Each structure stands twice: as C-alpha cells, then as structure tokens.
Amino acid sequence: MANTATLSSKFQISIPKAVRTEQAWAAGQQFAFIPKGKGILLAPIPKIEDLFGMAKDTNPNNFRDREDRF
C-alpha cells in the first residue's frame, strides 16, 4: 500500500495526490462514508447535473414496488 494517510489530531485525513489525480477529485467534492466491517468505503457523491440523462431510455410504466414482491 504505497498510498497511505495518517489521521490528524483534528480527525482529518489528506487523500494522497496520486489517488486524487487518478479519481479526478477536486476541492469541495463531497463524500459518503459507508461502514464495511472494520473499515469504510469512501464514495464520492455526484452532483445532480452529473446524473442528468442517466435514465433517458427507461420506461416508467410497469415499475415494481415493494408491495408486489414475495
């Protein structure tokens, strides 16, 4: 693991530059922390404009909800 970080006394972690560059993360990016056993999953939260057009070919008719499941 070449890309490591240390938790500061203010409970902050700096993401290594190699990781930031590879993922194209910028200052101000928001993240979700998802607990996974003894670790966490760090996932960027997309901006709403980045999601535009993702469901352009979906058909909203005949959708399923929790009531029609077994």
PDB file of N, CA and C in Angstrom:
ATOM      1  N   MET A   1       0.836  -1.180   0.000  1.00  0.00           N
ATOM      2  CA  MET A   1       0.000   0.000   0.000  1.00  0.00           C
ATOM      3  C   MET A   1       0.882   1.245   0.000  1.00  0.00           C
ATOM      4  N   ALA A   2       1.153   1.782  -1.140  1.00  0.00           N
ATOM      5  CA  ALA A   2       2.001   2.959  -1.243  1.00  0.00           C
ATOM      6  C   ALA A   2       1.242   4.227  -0.888  1.00  0.00           C
ATOM      7  N   ASN A   3      -0.052   4.268  -1.136  1.00  0.00           N
ATOM      8  CA  ASN A   3      -0.852   5.455  -0.848  1.00  0.00           C
ATOM      9  C   ASN A   3      -1.494   5.316   0.528  1.00  0.00           C
ATOM     10  N   THR A   4      -0.850   5.929   1.535  1.00  0.00           N
ATOM     11  CA  THR A   4      -1.365   5.868   2.887  1.00  0.00           C
ATOM     12  C   THR A   4      -1.546   7.279   3.424  1.00  0.00           C
ATOM     13  N   ALA A   5      -2.311   7.397   4.506  1.00  0.00           N
ATOM     14  CA  ALA A   5      -2.535   8.685   5.148  1.00  0.00           C
ATOM     15  C   ALA A   5      -2.637   8.451   6.644  1.00  0.00           C
ATOM     16  N   THR A   6      -2.436   9.508   7.423  1.00  0.00           N
ATOM     17  CA  THR A   6      -2.499   9.433   8.873  1.00  0.00           C
ATOM     18  C   THR A   6      -3.620  10.336   9.376  1.00  0.00           C
ATOM     19  N   LEU A   7      -4.386   9.846  10.319  1.00  0.00           N
ATOM     20  CA  LEU A   7      -5.461  10.618  10.930  1.00  0.00           C
ATOM     21  C   LEU A   7      -4.842  11.669  11.848  1.00  0.00           C
ATOM     22  N   SER A   8      -5.200  12.945  11.637  1.00  0.00           N
ATOM     23  CA  SER A   8      -4.620  14.027  12.442  1.00  0.00           C
ATOM     24  C   SER A   8      -5.331  14.137  13.787  1.00  0.00           C
ATOM     25  N   SER A   9      -4.802  14.989  14.649  1.00  0.00           N
ATOM     26  CA  SER A   9      -5.412  15.201  15.961  1.00  0.00           C
ATOM     27  C   SER A   9      -6.788  15.857  15.836  1.00  0.00           C
ATOM     28  N   LYS A  10      -7.070  16.450  14.685  1.00  0.00           N
ATOM     29  CA  LYS A  10      -8.385  17.047  14.420  1.00  0.00           C
ATOM     30  C   LYS A  10      -9.288  16.076  13.654  1.00  0.00           C
ATOM     31  N   PHE A  11      -8.879  14.797  13.599  1.00  0.00           N
ATOM     32  CA  PHE A  11      -9.622  13.734  12.920  1.00  0.00           C
ATOM     33  C   PHE A  11      -9.808  14.031  11.437  1.00  0.00           C
ATOM     34  N   GLN A  12      -8.764  14.525  10.797  1.00  0.00           N
ATOM     35  CA  GLN A  12      -8.775  14.797   9.365  1.00  0.00           C
ATOM     36  C   GLN A  12      -7.759  13.894   8.675  1.00  0.00           C
ATOM     37  N   ILE A  13      -8.077  13.541   7.433  1.00  0.00           N
ATOM     38  CA  ILE A  13      -7.177  12.728   6.613  1.00  0.00           C
ATOM     39  C   ILE A  13      -7.005  13.427   5.266  1.00  0.00           C
ATOM     40  N   SER A  14      -5.766  13.542   4.812  1.00  0.00           N
ATOM     41  CA  SER A  14      -5.493  14.080   3.487  1.00  0.00           C
ATOM     42  C   SER A  14      -5.414  12.918   2.509  1.00  0.00           C
ATOM     43  N   ILE A  15      -6.144  13.021   1.426  1.00  0.00           N
ATOM     44  CA  ILE A  15      -6.122  11.970   0.404  1.00  0.00           C
ATOM     45  C   ILE A  15      -4.855  12.164  -0.429  1.00  0.00           C
ATOM     46  N   PRO A  16      -4.054  11.119  -0.597  1.00  0.00           N
ATOM     47  CA  PRO A  16      -2.815  11.250  -1.373  1.00  0.00           C
ATOM     48  C   PRO A  16      -3.061  11.794  -2.779  1.00  0.00           C
ATOM     49  N   LYS A  17      -2.125  12.602  -3.245  1.00  0.00           N
ATOM     50  CA  LYS A  17      -2.265  13.257  -4.544  1.00  0.00           C
ATOM     51  C   LYS A  17      -2.457  12.260  -5.682  1.00  0.00           C
ATOM     52  N   ALA A  18      -1.756  11.141  -5.643  1.00  0.00           N
ATOM     53  CA  ALA A  18      -1.888  10.135  -6.710  1.00  0.00           C
ATOM     54  C   ALA A  18      -3.326   9.634  -6.805  1.00  0.00           C
ATOM     55  N   VAL A  19      -3.972   9.448  -5.667  1.00  0.00           N
ATOM     56  CA  VAL A  19      -5.360   8.977  -5.657  1.00  0.00           C
ATOM     57  C   VAL A  19      -6.294  10.075  -6.158  1.00  0.00           C
ATOM     58  N   ARG A  20      -6.105  11.301  -5.672  1.00  0.00           N
ATOM     59  CA  ARG A  20      -6.944  12.434  -6.116  1.00  0.00           C
ATOM     60  C   ARG A  20      -6.848  12.631  -7.615  1.00  0.00           C
ATOM     61  N   THR A  21      -5.645  12.549  -8.140  1.00  0.00           N
ATOM     62  CA  THR A  21      -5.435  12.746  -9.574  1.00  0.00           C
ATOM     63  C   THR A  21      -6.087  11.627 -10.379  1.00  0.00           C
ATOM     64  N   GLU A  22      -5.877  10.395  -9.951  1.00  0.00           N
ATOM     65  CA  GLU A  22      -6.442   9.245 -10.666  1.00  0.00           C
ATOM     66  C   GLU A  22      -7.967   9.280 -10.686  1.00  0.00           C
ATOM     67  N   GLN A  23      -8.580   9.708  -9.591  1.00  0.00           N
ATOM     68  CA  GLN A  23     -10.036   9.737  -9.482  1.00  0.00           C
ATOM     69  C   GLN A  23     -10.642  11.054  -9.969  1.00  0.00           C
ATOM     70  N   ALA A  24      -9.808  12.040 -10.280  1.00  0.00           N
ATOM     71  CA  ALA A  24     -10.240  13.369 -10.729  1.00  0.00           C
ATOM     72  C   ALA A  24     -11.100  14.056  -9.672  1.00  0.00           C
ATOM     73  N   TRP A  25     -10.704  13.896  -8.393  1.00  0.00           N
ATOM     74  CA  TRP A  25     -11.401  14.573  -7.291  1.00  0.00           C
ATOM     75  C   TRP A  25     -10.819  15.958  -7.120  1.00  0.00           C
ATOM     76  N   ALA A  26     -11.680  16.918  -6.779  1.00  0.00           N
ATOM     77  CA  ALA A  26     -11.250  18.298  -6.591  1.00  0.00           C
ATOM     78  C   ALA A  26     -11.703  18.800  -5.222  1.00  0.00           C
ATOM     79  N   ALA A  27     -11.137  19.914  -4.815  1.00  0.00           N
ATOM     80  CA  ALA A  27     -11.529  20.521  -3.544  1.00  0.00           C
ATOM     81  C   ALA A  27     -13.025  20.840  -3.579  1.00  0.00           C
ATOM     82  N   GLY A  28     -13.701  20.577  -2.484  1.00  0.00           N
ATOM     83  CA  GLY A  28     -15.137  20.813  -2.408  1.00  0.00           C
ATOM     84  C   GLY A  28     -15.979  19.589  -2.718  1.00  0.00           C
ATOM     85  N   GLN A  29     -15.359  18.540  -3.232  1.00  0.00           N
ATOM     86  CA  GLN A  29     -16.084  17.301  -3.534  1.00  0.00           C
ATOM     87  C   GLN A  29     -16.642  16.730  -2.240  1.00  0.00           C
ATOM     88  N   GLN A  30     -17.892  16.269  -2.260  1.00  0.00           N
ATOM     89  CA  GLN A  30     -18.495  15.657  -1.086  1.00  0.00           C
ATOM     90  C   GLN A  30     -18.402  14.141  -1.197  1.00  0.00           C
ATOM     91  N   PHE A  31     -18.282  13.484  -0.032  1.00  0.00           N
ATOM     92  CA  PHE A  31     -18.128  12.038   0.021  1.00  0.00           C
ATOM     93  C   PHE A  31     -19.074  11.429   1.040  1.00  0.00           C
ATOM     94  N   ALA A  32     -19.451  10.180   0.797  1.00  0.00           N
ATOM     95  CA  ALA A  32     -20.226   9.400   1.751  1.00  0.00           C
ATOM     96  C   ALA A  32     -19.290   8.375   2.374  1.00  0.00           C
ATOM     97  N   PHE A  33     -19.402   8.202   3.678  1.00  0.00           N
ATOM     98  CA  PHE A  33     -18.628   7.189   4.400  1.00  0.00           C
ATOM     99  C   PHE A  33     -19.564   6.039   4.708  1.00  0.00           C
ATOM    100  N   ILE A  34     -19.284   4.872   4.147  1.00  0.00           N
ATOM    101  CA  ILE A  34     -20.149   3.701   4.281  1.00  0.00           C
ATOM    102  C   ILE A  34     -19.406   2.644   5.089  1.00  0.00           C
ATOM    103  N   PRO A  35     -19.894   2.327   6.309  1.00  0.00           N
ATOM    104  CA  PRO A  35     -19.211   1.326   7.136  1.00  0.00           C
ATOM    105  C   PRO A  35     -19.231  -0.052   6.474  1.00  0.00           C
ATOM    106  N   LYS A  36     -18.092  -0.727   6.478  1.00  0.00           N
ATOM    107  CA  LYS A  36     -17.947  -2.079   5.927  1.00  0.00           C
ATOM    108  C   LYS A  36     -17.083  -2.891   6.878  1.00  0.00           C
ATOM    109  N   GLY A  37     -17.722  -3.622   7.784  1.00  0.00           N
ATOM    110  CA  GLY A  37     -16.960  -4.405   8.751  1.00  0.00           C
ATOM    111  C   GLY A  37     -16.099  -3.510   9.621  1.00  0.00           C
ATOM    112  N   LYS A  38     -14.794  -3.740   9.610  1.00  0.00           N
ATOM    113  CA  LYS A  38     -13.864  -2.930  10.408  1.00  0.00           C
ATOM    114  C   LYS A  38     -13.295  -1.755   9.606  1.00  0.00           C
ATOM    115  N   GLY A  39     -13.765  -1.565   8.392  1.00  0.00           N
ATOM    116  CA  GLY A  39     -13.277  -0.478   7.553  1.00  0.00           C
ATOM    117  C   GLY A  39     -14.427   0.385   7.057  1.00  0.00           C
ATOM    118  N   ILE A  40     -14.118   1.228   6.099  1.00  0.00           N
ATOM    119  CA  ILE A  40     -15.138   2.083   5.485  1.00  0.00           C
ATOM    120  C   ILE A  40     -14.950   2.091   3.977  1.00  0.00           C
ATOM    121  N   LEU A  41     -16.019   2.414   3.286  1.00  0.00           N
ATOM    122  CA  LEU A  41     -15.978   2.649   1.848  1.00  0.00           C
ATOM    123  C   LEU A  41     -16.188   4.143   1.659  1.00  0.00           C
ATOM    124  N   LEU A  42     -15.296   4.788   0.968  1.00  0.00           N
ATOM    125  CA  LEU A  42     -15.371   6.215   0.700  1.00  0.00           C
ATOM    126  C   LEU A  42     -15.892   6.384  -0.720  1.00  0.00           C
ATOM    127  N   ALA A  43     -17.087   6.974  -0.851  1.00  0.00           N
ATOM    128  CA  ALA A  43     -17.702   7.108  -2.174  1.00  0.00           C
ATOM    129  C   ALA A  43     -18.038   8.566  -2.451  1.00  0.00           C
ATOM    130  N   PRO A  44     -17.603   9.093  -3.607  1.00  0.00           N
ATOM    131  CA  PRO A  44     -17.951  10.476  -3.939  1.00  0.00           C
ATOM    132  C   PRO A  44     -19.449  10.597  -4.214  1.00  0.00           C
ATOM    133  N   ILE A  45     -20.033  11.697  -3.755  1.00  0.00           N
ATOM    134  CA  ILE A  45     -21.444  11.970  -4.007  1.00  0.00           C
ATOM    135  C   ILE A  45     -21.515  12.809  -5.286  1.00  0.00           C
ATOM    136  N   PRO A  46     -22.184  12.307  -6.321  1.00  0.00           N
ATOM    137  CA  PRO A  46     -22.226  13.060  -7.584  1.00  0.00           C
ATOM    138  C   PRO A  46     -23.118  14.288  -7.470  1.00  0.00           C
ATOM    139  N   LYS A  47     -22.812  15.291  -8.261  1.00  0.00           N
ATOM    140  CA  LYS A  47     -23.669  16.474  -8.352  1.00  0.00           C
ATOM    141  C   LYS A  47     -24.881  16.098  -9.189  1.00  0.00           C
ATOM    142  N   ILE A  48     -25.998  16.755  -8.936  1.00  0.00           N
ATOM    143  CA  ILE A  48     -27.244  16.422  -9.639  1.00  0.00           C
ATOM    144  C   ILE A  48     -27.093  16.608 -11.153  1.00  0.00           C
ATOM    145  N   GLU A  49     -26.324  17.598 -11.560  1.00  0.00           N
ATOM    146  CA  GLU A  49     -26.157  17.815 -13.008  1.00  0.00           C
ATOM    147  C   GLU A  49     -25.343  16.702 -13.662  1.00  0.00           C
ATOM    148  N   ASP A  50     -24.527  16.005 -12.895  1.00  0.00           N
ATOM    149  CA  ASP A  50     -23.769  14.870 -13.431  1.00  0.00           C
ATOM    150  C   ASP A  50     -24.670  13.661 -13.668  1.00  0.00           C
ATOM    151  N   LEU A  51     -25.816  13.621 -13.014  1.00  0.00           N
ATOM    152  CA  LEU A  51     -26.754  12.498 -13.152  1.00  0.00           C
ATOM    153  C   LEU A  51     -27.761  12.718 -14.282  1.00  0.00           C
ATOM    154  N   PHE A  52     -27.818  13.930 -14.811  1.00  0.00           N
ATOM    155  CA  PHE A  52     -28.777  14.245 -15.858  1.00  0.00           C
ATOM    156  C   PHE A  52     -28.572  13.342 -17.076  1.00  0.00           C
ATOM    157  N   GLY A  53     -29.661  12.736 -17.531  1.00  0.00           N
ATOM    158  CA  GLY A  53     -29.628  11.897 -18.717  1.00  0.00           C
ATOM    159  C   GLY A  53     -29.314  10.432 -18.457  1.00  0.00           C
ATOM    160  N   MET A  54     -29.065  10.048 -17.205  1.00  0.00           N
ATOM    161  CA  MET A  54     -28.723   8.652 -16.914  1.00  0.00           C
ATOM    162  C   MET A  54     -29.874   7.693 -17.204  1.00  0.00           C
ATOM    163  N   ALA A  55     -31.103   8.158 -17.022  1.00  0.00           N
ATOM    164  CA  ALA A  55     -32.250   7.270 -17.170  1.00  0.00           C
ATOM    165  C   ALA A  55     -33.087   7.630 -18.394  1.00  0.00           C
ATOM    166  N   LYS A  56     -32.447   8.139 -19.431  1.00  0.00           N
ATOM    167  CA  LYS A  56     -33.182   8.636 -20.588  1.00  0.00           C
ATOM    168  C   LYS A  56     -33.961   7.550 -21.338  1.00  0.00           C
ATOM    169  N   ASP A  57     -33.512   6.315 -21.312  1.00  0.00           N
ATOM    170  CA  ASP A  57     -34.192   5.250 -22.051  1.00  0.00           C
ATOM    171  C   ASP A  57     -35.043   4.345 -21.166  1.00  0.00           C
ATOM    172  N   THR A  58     -35.273   4.750 -19.925  1.00  0.00           N
ATOM    173  CA  THR A  58     -36.081   3.915 -19.036  1.00  0.00           C
ATOM    174  C   THR A  58     -37.562   4.113 -19.295  1.00  0.00           C
ATOM    175  N   ASN A  59     -38.332   3.100 -18.983  1.00  0.00           N
ATOM    176  CA  ASN A  59     -39.769   3.146 -19.161  1.00  0.00           C
ATOM    177  C   ASN A  59     -40.414   3.175 -17.777  1.00  0.00           C
ATOM    178  N   PRO A  60     -41.070   4.285 -17.404  1.00  0.00           N
ATOM    179  CA  PRO A  60     -41.646   4.380 -16.064  1.00  0.00           C
ATOM    180  C   PRO A  60     -42.917   3.556 -15.898  1.00  0.00           C
ATOM    181  N   ASN A  61     -43.458   3.017 -16.971  1.00  0.00           N
ATOM    182  CA  ASN A  61     -44.650   2.174 -16.871  1.00  0.00           C
ATOM    183  C   ASN A  61     -44.265   0.794 -16.362  1.00  0.00           C
ATOM    184  N   ASN A  62     -45.167   0.163 -15.671  1.00  0.00           N
ATOM    185  CA  ASN A  62     -44.971  -1.192 -15.145  1.00  0.00           C
ATOM    186  C   ASN A  62     -43.785  -1.306 -14.191  1.00  0.00           C
ATOM    187  N   PHE A  63     -43.515  -0.266 -13.404  1.00  0.00           N
ATOM    188  CA  PHE A  63     -42.451  -0.380 -12.425  1.00  0.00           C
ATOM    189  C   PHE A  63     -42.929  -1.219 -11.252  1.00  0.00           C
ATOM    190  N   ARG A  64     -41.996  -1.802 -10.536  1.00  0.00           N
ATOM    191  CA  ARG A  64     -42.334  -2.639  -9.388  1.00  0.00           C
ATOM    192  C   ARG A  64     -42.016  -1.883  -8.104  1.00  0.00           C
ATOM    193  N   ASP A  65     -42.839  -2.114  -7.105  1.00  0.00           N
ATOM    194  CA  ASP A  65     -42.516  -1.576  -5.801  1.00  0.00           C
ATOM    195  C   ASP A  65     -42.506  -2.726  -4.786  1.00  0.00           C
ATOM    196  N   ARG A  66     -42.340  -2.424  -3.544  1.00  0.00           N
ATOM    197  CA  ARG A  66     -42.206  -3.457  -2.518  1.00  0.00           C
ATOM    198  C   ARG A  66     -43.481  -4.282  -2.334  1.00  0.00           C
ATOM    199  N   GLU A  67     -44.636  -3.760  -2.681  1.00  0.00           N
ATOM    200  CA  GLU A  67     -45.897  -4.461  -2.456  1.00  0.00           C
ATOM    201  C   GLU A  67     -46.106  -5.648  -3.387  1.00  0.00           C
ATOM    202  N   ASP A  68     -45.443  -5.675  -4.551  1.00  0.00           N
ATOM    203  CA  ASP A  68     -45.662  -6.787  -5.478  1.00  0.00           C
ATOM    204  C   ASP A  68     -44.524  -7.807  -5.427  1.00  0.00           C
ATOM    205  N   ARG A  69     -43.755  -7.798  -4.370  1.00  0.00           N
ATOM    206  CA  ARG A  69     -42.672  -8.779  -4.202  1.00  0.00           C
ATOM    207  C   ARG A  69     -43.085  -9.837  -3.202  1.00  0.00           C
ATOM    208  N   PHE A  70     -42.466 -10.984  -3.299  1.00  0.00           N
ATOM    209  CA  PHE A  70     -42.758 -12.077  -2.359  1.00  0.00           C
ATOM    210  C   PHE A  70     -41.903 -11.967  -1.140  1.00  0.00           C
TER     211      PHE A  70
END
